[in-house]
Amino acid sequence: MKISHAALALLAAISLSLGACSSSVKTYYYTLQTDAAAARAAAPTRQTSIALAGVSLPEIVDRPQLVLRTGATQLDISDNHLWGQPLKSEIAHRLAVDLARETGAARVILPGQAGYDDAEMKLAVDILRFDSVPGKEATIEARWSVQRKGVTQPLSGHALVREAVNGTSYDALVAAHGRALAQLSREIAATLKP
């Protein structure tokens, strides 16, 4: 069977127009990290080092896309609004900056960084909920445990933090999660202080 030149031209035109439509959708990337210069501005008040042993997340939000709660049982996974790096890394980096500021520690060390094995405290954070309700609130529920060097009994804690979203944009929602993580850091820091 022979295909006419007109049919080939029509198929090519359709392919080009479909390609043009799909490439016109813009992708946006978000981060929970704060301005690095502002984070470094606070001088450490203690020589303590804290190793952030890990951050765990519910599988439903452990993905590149932002996951929005749009109803009691309904979620919207946004293909055009993505985290700049894996969400676990976003949270770990934000917690490291906030914990260093809140505790006055000389260093908060992430896995793989120098001095990790020698840290005076090891902190594990289990994020139980990371809910994003557009235009309403960002909710983070977490448990954590802290193992101090030379102490057999770990310390632990739990927090449920809700932050209002100031606007309807994704930026406003991500900023609310940043504020919620800052509050979580304050609660964890209260556990870490002697």
N, C-alpha and C. Protein backbone atom coordinates (compact mmCIF):
# COMPACT_ATOMS: atom_id res chain seq x y z
N MET A 1 0.85 -1.18 0.00
CA MET A 1 0.00 0.00 0.00
C MET A 1 0.89 1.23 0.00
N LYS A 2 0.54 2.13 -0.86
CA LYS A 2 1.33 3.35 -1.03
C LYS A 2 0.66 4.52 -0.32
N ILE A 3 1.45 5.30 0.39
CA ILE A 3 0.92 6.49 1.06
C ILE A 3 1.24 7.69 0.18
N SER A 4 0.22 8.51 -0.04
CA SER A 4 0.41 9.68 -0.91
C SER A 4 1.23 10.75 -0.22
N HIS A 5 1.80 11.61 -1.03
CA HIS A 5 2.59 12.73 -0.49
C HIS A 5 1.73 13.64 0.37
N ALA A 6 0.48 13.80 0.01
CA ALA A 6 -0.44 14.65 0.78
C ALA A 6 -0.67 14.06 2.17
N ALA A 7 -0.83 12.72 2.24
CA ALA A 7 -1.04 12.07 3.53
C ALA A 7 0.20 12.19 4.41
N LEU A 8 1.38 12.03 3.81
CA LEU A 8 2.63 12.19 4.57
C LEU A 8 2.78 13.61 5.08
N ALA A 9 2.45 14.58 4.24
CA ALA A 9 2.53 15.99 4.65
C ALA A 9 1.57 16.28 5.79
N LEU A 10 0.37 15.69 5.73
CA LEU A 10 -0.61 15.89 6.80
C LEU A 10 -0.12 15.26 8.10
N LEU A 11 0.43 14.05 8.02
CA LEU A 11 0.99 13.41 9.22
C LEU A 11 2.13 14.22 9.82
N ALA A 12 2.99 14.75 8.99
CA ALA A 12 4.10 15.58 9.47
C ALA A 12 3.58 16.84 10.14
N ALA A 13 2.57 17.47 9.56
CA ALA A 13 2.01 18.70 10.14
C ALA A 13 1.38 18.41 11.50
N ILE A 14 0.67 17.28 11.60
CA ILE A 14 0.04 16.92 12.87
C ILE A 14 1.10 16.64 13.93
N SER A 15 2.16 15.91 13.55
CA SER A 15 3.25 15.63 14.49
C SER A 15 3.92 16.89 14.98
N LEU A 16 4.18 17.83 14.08
CA LEU A 16 4.80 19.09 14.47
C LEU A 16 3.91 19.89 15.40
N SER A 17 2.61 19.94 15.11
CA SER A 17 1.72 20.73 15.95
C SER A 17 1.57 20.10 17.33
N LEU A 18 1.53 18.76 17.40
CA LEU A 18 1.47 18.11 18.71
C LEU A 18 2.76 18.34 19.49
N GLY A 19 3.88 18.29 18.82
CA GLY A 19 5.17 18.56 19.47
C GLY A 19 5.24 19.98 19.99
N ALA A 20 4.73 20.93 19.22
CA ALA A 20 4.73 22.33 19.64
C ALA A 20 3.87 22.53 20.86
N CYS A 21 2.72 21.84 20.91
CA CYS A 21 1.83 21.98 22.07
C CYS A 21 2.49 21.44 23.33
N SER A 22 3.13 20.28 23.22
CA SER A 22 3.72 19.69 24.42
C SER A 22 4.94 20.44 24.90
N SER A 23 5.68 21.09 24.02
CA SER A 23 6.87 21.80 24.45
C SER A 23 6.56 23.19 25.00
N SER A 24 5.34 23.66 24.85
CA SER A 24 5.01 24.99 25.34
C SER A 24 4.64 25.00 26.82
N VAL A 25 4.51 23.82 27.43
CA VAL A 25 4.20 23.74 28.85
C VAL A 25 5.48 23.98 29.65
N LYS A 26 5.44 24.99 30.49
CA LYS A 26 6.63 25.35 31.28
C LYS A 26 6.68 24.52 32.56
N THR A 27 7.88 24.14 32.94
CA THR A 27 8.10 23.40 34.18
C THR A 27 8.73 24.35 35.20
N TYR A 28 8.23 24.30 36.43
CA TYR A 28 8.72 25.16 37.51
C TYR A 28 9.39 24.28 38.56
N TYR A 29 10.49 24.77 39.14
CA TYR A 29 11.24 24.03 40.16
C TYR A 29 11.25 24.83 41.46
N TYR A 30 11.17 24.10 42.59
CA TYR A 30 11.06 24.75 43.90
C TYR A 30 12.11 24.18 44.85
N THR A 31 12.49 25.01 45.83
CA THR A 31 13.44 24.59 46.85
C THR A 31 12.95 25.05 48.22
N LEU A 32 13.29 24.30 49.23
CA LEU A 32 12.98 24.65 50.62
C LEU A 32 14.16 25.35 51.28
N GLN A 33 15.27 25.45 50.57
CA GLN A 33 16.48 26.00 51.16
C GLN A 33 16.40 27.51 51.27
N THR A 34 17.06 28.01 52.30
CA THR A 34 17.09 29.44 52.55
C THR A 34 18.32 30.05 51.89
N ASP A 35 18.41 31.34 51.94
CA ASP A 35 19.57 32.05 51.40
C ASP A 35 20.82 31.62 52.17
N ALA A 36 21.79 31.08 51.45
CA ALA A 36 23.01 30.54 52.08
C ALA A 36 23.78 31.61 52.85
N ALA A 37 23.83 32.83 52.32
CA ALA A 37 24.57 33.90 53.01
C ALA A 37 23.94 34.21 54.36
N ALA A 38 22.61 34.24 54.40
CA ALA A 38 21.92 34.52 55.66
C ALA A 38 22.15 33.38 56.65
N ALA A 39 22.19 32.15 56.14
CA ALA A 39 22.41 31.00 57.01
C ALA A 39 23.80 31.04 57.63
N ARG A 40 24.80 31.47 56.87
CA ARG A 40 26.17 31.52 57.39
C ARG A 40 26.39 32.69 58.33
N ALA A 41 25.51 33.67 58.31
CA ALA A 41 25.71 34.88 59.10
C ALA A 41 25.69 34.60 60.61
N ALA A 42 24.93 33.60 61.03
CA ALA A 42 24.84 33.30 62.46
C ALA A 42 26.08 32.52 62.89
N ALA A 43 26.86 33.09 63.79
CA ALA A 43 28.08 32.44 64.28
C ALA A 43 27.70 31.35 65.28
N PRO A 44 28.39 30.21 65.24
CA PRO A 44 28.08 29.15 66.20
C PRO A 44 28.41 29.59 67.62
N THR A 45 27.58 29.17 68.55
CA THR A 45 27.80 29.51 69.96
C THR A 45 28.29 28.30 70.75
N ARG A 46 28.26 27.10 70.12
CA ARG A 46 28.71 25.87 70.76
C ARG A 46 29.57 25.10 69.77
N GLN A 47 30.49 24.32 70.27
CA GLN A 47 31.35 23.51 69.40
C GLN A 47 30.74 22.14 69.10
N THR A 48 29.48 21.96 69.41
CA THR A 48 28.79 20.70 69.18
C THR A 48 28.65 20.41 67.70
N SER A 49 28.74 19.13 67.34
CA SER A 49 28.45 18.72 65.97
C SER A 49 27.30 17.72 66.00
N ILE A 50 26.38 17.88 65.06
CA ILE A 50 25.19 17.04 64.96
C ILE A 50 25.20 16.39 63.58
N ALA A 51 25.07 15.06 63.55
CA ALA A 51 24.97 14.36 62.27
C ALA A 51 23.50 14.07 62.00
N LEU A 52 23.01 14.56 60.89
CA LEU A 52 21.63 14.28 60.49
C LEU A 52 21.66 12.92 59.78
N ALA A 53 21.31 11.89 60.55
CA ALA A 53 21.47 10.51 60.07
C ALA A 53 20.53 10.18 58.93
N GLY A 54 19.44 10.85 58.82
CA GLY A 54 18.53 10.56 57.71
C GLY A 54 17.19 11.21 57.91
N VAL A 55 16.48 11.35 56.79
CA VAL A 55 15.11 11.85 56.77
C VAL A 55 14.30 10.84 55.97
N SER A 56 13.22 10.36 56.56
CA SER A 56 12.33 9.47 55.82
C SER A 56 11.03 10.20 55.53
N LEU A 57 10.37 9.77 54.45
CA LEU A 57 9.13 10.42 54.00
C LEU A 57 8.08 9.37 53.66
N PRO A 58 6.79 9.74 53.73
CA PRO A 58 5.77 8.85 53.18
C PRO A 58 6.00 8.69 51.67
N GLU A 59 5.80 7.49 51.15
CA GLU A 59 6.06 7.23 49.74
C GLU A 59 5.26 8.15 48.81
N ILE A 60 4.07 8.52 49.21
CA ILE A 60 3.21 9.31 48.32
C ILE A 60 3.82 10.67 47.98
N VAL A 61 4.64 11.24 48.87
CA VAL A 61 5.25 12.54 48.57
C VAL A 61 6.72 12.42 48.19
N ASP A 62 7.27 11.21 48.26
CA ASP A 62 8.68 10.99 47.93
C ASP A 62 8.83 10.82 46.42
N ARG A 63 8.64 11.92 45.72
CA ARG A 63 8.67 11.95 44.25
C ARG A 63 9.08 13.34 43.81
N PRO A 64 9.47 13.52 42.55
CA PRO A 64 9.89 14.85 42.09
C PRO A 64 8.76 15.88 42.08
N GLN A 65 7.53 15.44 41.82
CA GLN A 65 6.41 16.37 41.69
C GLN A 65 5.88 16.83 43.06
N LEU A 66 5.37 18.06 43.10
CA LEU A 66 4.66 18.51 44.29
C LEU A 66 3.33 17.76 44.33
N VAL A 67 2.96 17.29 45.52
CA VAL A 67 1.73 16.54 45.70
C VAL A 67 0.79 17.41 46.53
N LEU A 68 -0.38 17.70 45.96
CA LEU A 68 -1.34 18.58 46.61
C LEU A 68 -2.51 17.77 47.13
N ARG A 69 -2.94 18.08 48.34
CA ARG A 69 -4.16 17.46 48.87
C ARG A 69 -5.32 18.35 48.47
N THR A 70 -6.22 17.81 47.64
CA THR A 70 -7.34 18.60 47.12
C THR A 70 -8.67 18.18 47.71
N GLY A 71 -8.68 17.19 48.56
CA GLY A 71 -9.89 16.73 49.23
C GLY A 71 -9.49 15.77 50.33
N ALA A 72 -10.49 15.26 51.04
CA ALA A 72 -10.21 14.34 52.15
C ALA A 72 -9.44 13.11 51.69
N THR A 73 -9.75 12.62 50.50
CA THR A 73 -9.07 11.43 49.98
C THR A 73 -8.47 11.65 48.60
N GLN A 74 -8.47 12.88 48.13
CA GLN A 74 -8.01 13.15 46.77
C GLN A 74 -6.70 13.92 46.76
N LEU A 75 -5.78 13.49 45.88
CA LEU A 75 -4.49 14.15 45.70
C LEU A 75 -4.34 14.56 44.25
N ASP A 76 -3.58 15.64 44.04
CA ASP A 76 -3.22 16.08 42.69
C ASP A 76 -1.70 16.09 42.62
N ILE A 77 -1.16 15.31 41.69
CA ILE A 77 0.29 15.26 41.51
C ILE A 77 0.63 16.13 40.31
N SER A 78 1.31 17.22 40.57
CA SER A 78 1.58 18.22 39.54
C SER A 78 2.80 17.85 38.70
N ASP A 79 2.58 17.66 37.40
CA ASP A 79 3.68 17.31 36.50
C ASP A 79 4.54 18.50 36.12
N ASN A 80 4.06 19.72 36.34
CA ASN A 80 4.79 20.92 35.92
C ASN A 80 5.43 21.67 37.08
N HIS A 81 5.18 21.22 38.31
CA HIS A 81 5.73 21.88 39.50
C HIS A 81 6.52 20.82 40.27
N LEU A 82 7.86 20.94 40.21
CA LEU A 82 8.75 19.90 40.70
C LEU A 82 9.71 20.45 41.77
N TRP A 83 10.17 19.53 42.63
CA TRP A 83 11.22 19.89 43.59
C TRP A 83 12.54 20.00 42.84
N GLY A 84 13.39 20.92 43.24
CA GLY A 84 14.68 21.13 42.60
C GLY A 84 15.62 19.95 42.76
N GLN A 85 15.47 19.19 43.82
CA GLN A 85 16.23 17.96 44.07
C GLN A 85 15.28 17.04 44.84
N PRO A 86 15.65 15.79 45.09
CA PRO A 86 14.73 14.92 45.83
C PRO A 86 14.25 15.59 47.12
N LEU A 87 12.97 15.41 47.44
CA LEU A 87 12.38 16.08 48.59
C LEU A 87 13.11 15.73 49.89
N LYS A 88 13.57 14.49 50.04
CA LYS A 88 14.35 14.12 51.24
C LYS A 88 15.58 15.02 51.38
N SER A 89 16.25 15.29 50.26
CA SER A 89 17.44 16.16 50.28
C SER A 89 17.05 17.59 50.59
N GLU A 90 15.95 18.07 49.99
CA GLU A 90 15.47 19.43 50.28
C GLU A 90 15.23 19.60 51.78
N ILE A 91 14.53 18.63 52.37
CA ILE A 91 14.21 18.70 53.80
C ILE A 91 15.48 18.60 54.65
N ALA A 92 16.37 17.67 54.31
CA ALA A 92 17.61 17.50 55.09
C ALA A 92 18.46 18.76 55.06
N HIS A 93 18.62 19.38 53.89
CA HIS A 93 19.42 20.61 53.81
C HIS A 93 18.77 21.75 54.59
N ARG A 94 17.46 21.87 54.49
CA ARG A 94 16.77 22.94 55.23
C ARG A 94 16.90 22.71 56.73
N LEU A 95 16.70 21.46 57.19
CA LEU A 95 16.84 21.16 58.62
C LEU A 95 18.25 21.43 59.10
N ALA A 96 19.26 21.10 58.29
CA ALA A 96 20.65 21.33 58.70
C ALA A 96 20.91 22.81 58.95
N VAL A 97 20.44 23.66 58.06
CA VAL A 97 20.64 25.11 58.22
C VAL A 97 19.88 25.61 59.44
N ASP A 98 18.60 25.22 59.56
CA ASP A 98 17.78 25.71 60.67
C ASP A 98 18.28 25.18 62.02
N LEU A 99 18.69 23.90 62.07
CA LEU A 99 19.17 23.34 63.33
C LEU A 99 20.48 23.98 63.78
N ALA A 100 21.36 24.26 62.83
CA ALA A 100 22.61 24.94 63.19
C ALA A 100 22.30 26.30 63.82
N ARG A 101 21.35 27.01 63.25
CA ARG A 101 20.98 28.32 63.79
C ARG A 101 20.29 28.18 65.14
N GLU A 102 19.36 27.24 65.26
CA GLU A 102 18.57 27.10 66.50
C GLU A 102 19.38 26.54 67.66
N THR A 103 20.33 25.66 67.40
CA THR A 103 21.10 25.05 68.49
C THR A 103 22.40 25.78 68.77
N GLY A 104 22.85 26.60 67.80
CA GLY A 104 24.14 27.26 67.94
C GLY A 104 25.29 26.30 67.68
N ALA A 105 24.99 25.12 67.10
CA ALA A 105 26.01 24.10 66.85
C ALA A 105 27.01 24.59 65.81
N ALA A 106 28.24 24.15 65.98
CA ALA A 106 29.28 24.52 65.03
C ALA A 106 28.99 23.88 63.67
N ARG A 107 28.45 22.67 63.66
CA ARG A 107 28.17 21.99 62.40
C ARG A 107 26.97 21.07 62.54
N VAL A 108 26.16 21.04 61.49
CA VAL A 108 25.17 19.99 61.30
C VAL A 108 25.60 19.29 60.03
N ILE A 109 25.92 18.01 60.17
CA ILE A 109 26.59 17.27 59.09
C ILE A 109 25.63 16.30 58.44
N LEU A 110 25.61 16.31 57.11
CA LEU A 110 24.77 15.40 56.35
C LEU A 110 25.57 14.14 56.02
N PRO A 111 24.88 13.02 55.75
CA PRO A 111 25.60 11.79 55.40
C PRO A 111 26.56 12.03 54.24
N GLY A 112 27.76 11.46 54.36
CA GLY A 112 28.77 11.60 53.31
C GLY A 112 29.70 12.79 53.50
N GLN A 113 29.36 13.70 54.41
CA GLN A 113 30.23 14.85 54.66
C GLN A 113 31.30 14.50 55.70
N ALA A 114 32.40 15.20 55.62
CA ALA A 114 33.52 14.97 56.55
C ALA A 114 33.06 15.19 57.99
N GLY A 115 33.52 14.33 58.88
CA GLY A 115 33.20 14.46 60.30
C GLY A 115 31.91 13.79 60.71
N TYR A 116 31.21 13.18 59.78
CA TYR A 116 29.91 12.57 60.08
C TYR A 116 30.02 11.53 61.20
N ASP A 117 30.99 10.63 61.08
CA ASP A 117 31.12 9.54 62.05
C ASP A 117 31.58 10.02 63.43
N ASP A 118 32.18 11.21 63.49
CA ASP A 118 32.70 11.73 64.76
C ASP A 118 31.75 12.68 65.47
N ALA A 119 30.56 12.90 64.90
CA ALA A 119 29.62 13.86 65.49
C ALA A 119 29.21 13.44 66.90
N GLU A 120 28.98 14.44 67.74
CA GLU A 120 28.59 14.18 69.13
C GLU A 120 27.17 13.65 69.25
N MET A 121 26.32 14.01 68.27
CA MET A 121 24.93 13.55 68.28
C MET A 121 24.55 13.08 66.89
N LYS A 122 23.70 12.05 66.84
CA LYS A 122 23.14 11.59 65.58
C LYS A 122 21.63 11.76 65.66
N LEU A 123 21.06 12.40 64.66
CA LEU A 123 19.64 12.74 64.63
C LEU A 123 18.99 12.06 63.43
N ALA A 124 17.91 11.33 63.68
CA ALA A 124 17.11 10.74 62.60
C ALA A 124 15.72 11.37 62.66
N VAL A 125 15.20 11.78 61.51
CA VAL A 125 13.89 12.43 61.43
C VAL A 125 12.99 11.62 60.51
N ASP A 126 11.83 11.26 61.03
CA ASP A 126 10.83 10.50 60.27
C ASP A 126 9.64 11.42 60.03
N ILE A 127 9.50 11.89 58.79
CA ILE A 127 8.36 12.73 58.43
C ILE A 127 7.16 11.82 58.22
N LEU A 128 6.15 11.95 59.04
CA LEU A 128 4.95 11.11 58.97
C LEU A 128 3.92 11.68 58.01
N ARG A 129 3.84 13.01 57.97
CA ARG A 129 2.90 13.70 57.06
C ARG A 129 3.61 14.90 56.46
N PHE A 130 3.38 15.11 55.16
CA PHE A 130 3.88 16.30 54.46
C PHE A 130 2.75 16.71 53.52
N ASP A 131 1.71 17.33 54.11
CA ASP A 131 0.50 17.69 53.37
C ASP A 131 0.57 19.11 52.85
N SER A 132 0.15 19.26 51.61
CA SER A 132 0.13 20.56 50.94
C SER A 132 -1.28 20.85 50.48
N VAL A 133 -1.95 21.80 51.14
CA VAL A 133 -3.30 22.19 50.74
C VAL A 133 -3.22 23.60 50.16
N PRO A 134 -3.35 23.72 48.83
CA PRO A 134 -3.18 25.02 48.17
C PRO A 134 -4.11 26.09 48.76
N GLY A 135 -3.54 27.26 49.00
CA GLY A 135 -4.31 28.38 49.51
C GLY A 135 -4.75 28.24 50.95
N LYS A 136 -4.41 27.14 51.61
CA LYS A 136 -4.88 26.92 52.97
C LYS A 136 -3.73 26.69 53.96
N GLU A 137 -3.10 25.49 53.90
CA GLU A 137 -2.05 25.22 54.88
C GLU A 137 -1.06 24.16 54.42
N ALA A 138 0.11 24.22 55.03
CA ALA A 138 1.14 23.20 54.88
C ALA A 138 1.25 22.52 56.24
N THR A 139 1.20 21.20 56.24
CA THR A 139 1.24 20.44 57.49
C THR A 139 2.41 19.47 57.45
N ILE A 140 3.20 19.48 58.52
CA ILE A 140 4.28 18.52 58.68
C ILE A 140 4.13 17.88 60.05
N GLU A 141 4.09 16.55 60.05
CA GLU A 141 4.11 15.80 61.30
C GLU A 141 5.37 14.95 61.28
N ALA A 142 6.11 14.97 62.37
CA ALA A 142 7.39 14.25 62.38
C ALA A 142 7.67 13.66 63.75
N ARG A 143 8.44 12.57 63.71
CA ARG A 143 9.05 11.99 64.91
C ARG A 143 10.55 12.07 64.71
N TRP A 144 11.29 12.19 65.80
CA TRP A 144 12.74 12.19 65.68
C TRP A 144 13.35 11.49 66.88
N SER A 145 14.57 11.03 66.67
CA SER A 145 15.33 10.46 67.78
C SER A 145 16.76 10.97 67.69
N VAL A 146 17.35 11.17 68.86
CA VAL A 146 18.70 11.70 68.97
C VAL A 146 19.51 10.74 69.82
N GLN A 147 20.63 10.30 69.26
CA GLN A 147 21.55 9.45 70.00
C GLN A 147 22.81 10.26 70.30
N ARG A 148 23.05 10.52 71.59
CA ARG A 148 24.26 11.24 71.99
C ARG A 148 25.40 10.25 72.19
N LYS A 149 26.60 10.67 71.84
CA LYS A 149 27.78 9.83 72.01
C LYS A 149 27.95 9.49 73.49
N GLY A 150 28.14 8.20 73.79
CA GLY A 150 28.36 7.77 75.16
C GLY A 150 27.11 7.63 76.00
N VAL A 151 25.94 7.88 75.43
CA VAL A 151 24.67 7.76 76.16
C VAL A 151 23.88 6.62 75.52
N THR A 152 23.41 5.68 76.34
CA THR A 152 22.72 4.53 75.77
C THR A 152 21.27 4.82 75.40
N GLN A 153 20.61 5.65 76.17
CA GLN A 153 19.19 5.91 75.94
C GLN A 153 19.01 7.10 74.99
N PRO A 154 18.42 6.87 73.80
CA PRO A 154 18.20 8.00 72.89
C PRO A 154 17.07 8.90 73.37
N LEU A 155 17.12 10.15 72.97
CA LEU A 155 16.03 11.09 73.21
C LEU A 155 15.12 11.06 71.99
N SER A 156 13.84 11.31 72.21
CA SER A 156 12.94 11.31 71.06
C SER A 156 11.88 12.39 71.24
N GLY A 157 11.22 12.69 70.15
CA GLY A 157 10.17 13.70 70.20
C GLY A 157 9.23 13.55 69.03
N HIS A 158 8.15 14.32 69.10
CA HIS A 158 7.10 14.29 68.08
C HIS A 158 6.54 15.70 67.94
N ALA A 159 6.22 16.09 66.72
CA ALA A 159 5.62 17.41 66.51
C ALA A 159 4.64 17.35 65.35
N LEU A 160 3.59 18.15 65.45
CA LEU A 160 2.63 18.38 64.37
C LEU A 160 2.60 19.88 64.15
N VAL A 161 3.06 20.32 62.98
CA VAL A 161 3.19 21.75 62.69
C VAL A 161 2.30 22.09 61.50
N ARG A 162 1.51 23.14 61.67
CA ARG A 162 0.66 23.64 60.57
C ARG A 162 1.01 25.11 60.34
N GLU A 163 1.21 25.44 59.07
CA GLU A 163 1.49 26.83 58.69
C GLU A 163 0.49 27.28 57.64
N ALA A 164 -0.09 28.45 57.83
CA ALA A 164 -1.03 28.99 56.85
C ALA A 164 -0.28 29.35 55.58
N VAL A 165 -0.95 29.16 54.44
CA VAL A 165 -0.39 29.52 53.14
C VAL A 165 -0.87 30.93 52.82
N ASN A 166 0.06 31.85 52.62
CA ASN A 166 -0.28 33.25 52.35
C ASN A 166 -0.43 33.49 50.86
N GLY A 167 -1.52 32.99 50.28
CA GLY A 167 -1.76 33.15 48.86
C GLY A 167 -2.13 31.82 48.23
N THR A 168 -2.34 31.84 46.92
CA THR A 168 -2.77 30.62 46.23
C THR A 168 -1.69 30.04 45.33
N SER A 169 -0.52 30.65 45.29
CA SER A 169 0.54 30.20 44.38
C SER A 169 1.31 29.02 44.97
N TYR A 170 2.01 28.32 44.11
CA TYR A 170 2.91 27.25 44.56
C TYR A 170 4.04 27.84 45.41
N ASP A 171 4.52 29.01 45.05
CA ASP A 171 5.56 29.68 45.84
C ASP A 171 5.11 29.86 47.29
N ALA A 172 3.86 30.31 47.46
CA ALA A 172 3.32 30.53 48.80
C ALA A 172 3.22 29.22 49.57
N LEU A 173 2.85 28.15 48.88
CA LEU A 173 2.75 26.84 49.52
C LEU A 173 4.12 26.33 49.95
N VAL A 174 5.12 26.45 49.07
CA VAL A 174 6.48 26.01 49.41
C VAL A 174 7.05 26.86 50.56
N ALA A 175 6.77 28.16 50.55
CA ALA A 175 7.23 29.03 51.63
C ALA A 175 6.61 28.61 52.96
N ALA A 176 5.34 28.20 52.94
CA ALA A 176 4.68 27.73 54.17
C ALA A 176 5.35 26.46 54.68
N HIS A 177 5.74 25.57 53.78
CA HIS A 177 6.47 24.37 54.20
C HIS A 177 7.83 24.75 54.80
N GLY A 178 8.48 25.76 54.24
CA GLY A 178 9.75 26.23 54.80
C GLY A 178 9.56 26.73 56.22
N ARG A 179 8.49 27.49 56.46
CA ARG A 179 8.21 27.98 57.82
C ARG A 179 7.88 26.82 58.76
N ALA A 180 7.16 25.82 58.25
CA ALA A 180 6.83 24.66 59.07
C ALA A 180 8.11 23.89 59.46
N LEU A 181 9.04 23.76 58.51
CA LEU A 181 10.31 23.10 58.82
C LEU A 181 11.14 23.91 59.82
N ALA A 182 11.07 25.23 59.74
CA ALA A 182 11.77 26.07 60.71
C ALA A 182 11.20 25.85 62.11
N GLN A 183 9.87 25.73 62.20
CA GLN A 183 9.23 25.46 63.49
C GLN A 183 9.60 24.07 63.99
N LEU A 184 9.61 23.09 63.09
CA LEU A 184 10.03 21.73 63.47
C LEU A 184 11.46 21.76 64.00
N SER A 185 12.34 22.53 63.35
CA SER A 185 13.73 22.65 63.81
C SER A 185 13.81 23.23 65.21
N ARG A 186 12.97 24.22 65.50
CA ARG A 186 12.95 24.80 66.85
C ARG A 186 12.56 23.74 67.88
N GLU A 187 11.57 22.91 67.54
CA GLU A 187 11.13 21.87 68.48
C GLU A 187 12.20 20.79 68.68
N ILE A 188 12.87 20.41 67.58
CA ILE A 188 13.95 19.44 67.70
C ILE A 188 15.11 20.03 68.49
N ALA A 189 15.42 21.30 68.24
CA ALA A 189 16.54 21.97 68.93
C ALA A 189 16.33 21.98 70.44
N ALA A 190 15.08 22.13 70.87
CA ALA A 190 14.79 22.12 72.31
C ALA A 190 15.17 20.78 72.91
N THR A 191 15.06 19.69 72.14
CA THR A 191 15.46 18.36 72.61
C THR A 191 16.98 18.24 72.66
N LEU A 192 17.68 18.88 71.71
CA LEU A 192 19.12 18.73 71.60
C LEU A 192 19.92 19.55 72.59
N LYS A 193 19.33 20.63 73.09
CA LYS A 193 20.09 21.50 73.99
C LYS A 193 20.32 20.80 75.33
N PRO A 194 21.50 21.02 75.94
CA PRO A 194 21.79 20.33 77.23
C PRO A 194 20.89 20.81 78.34
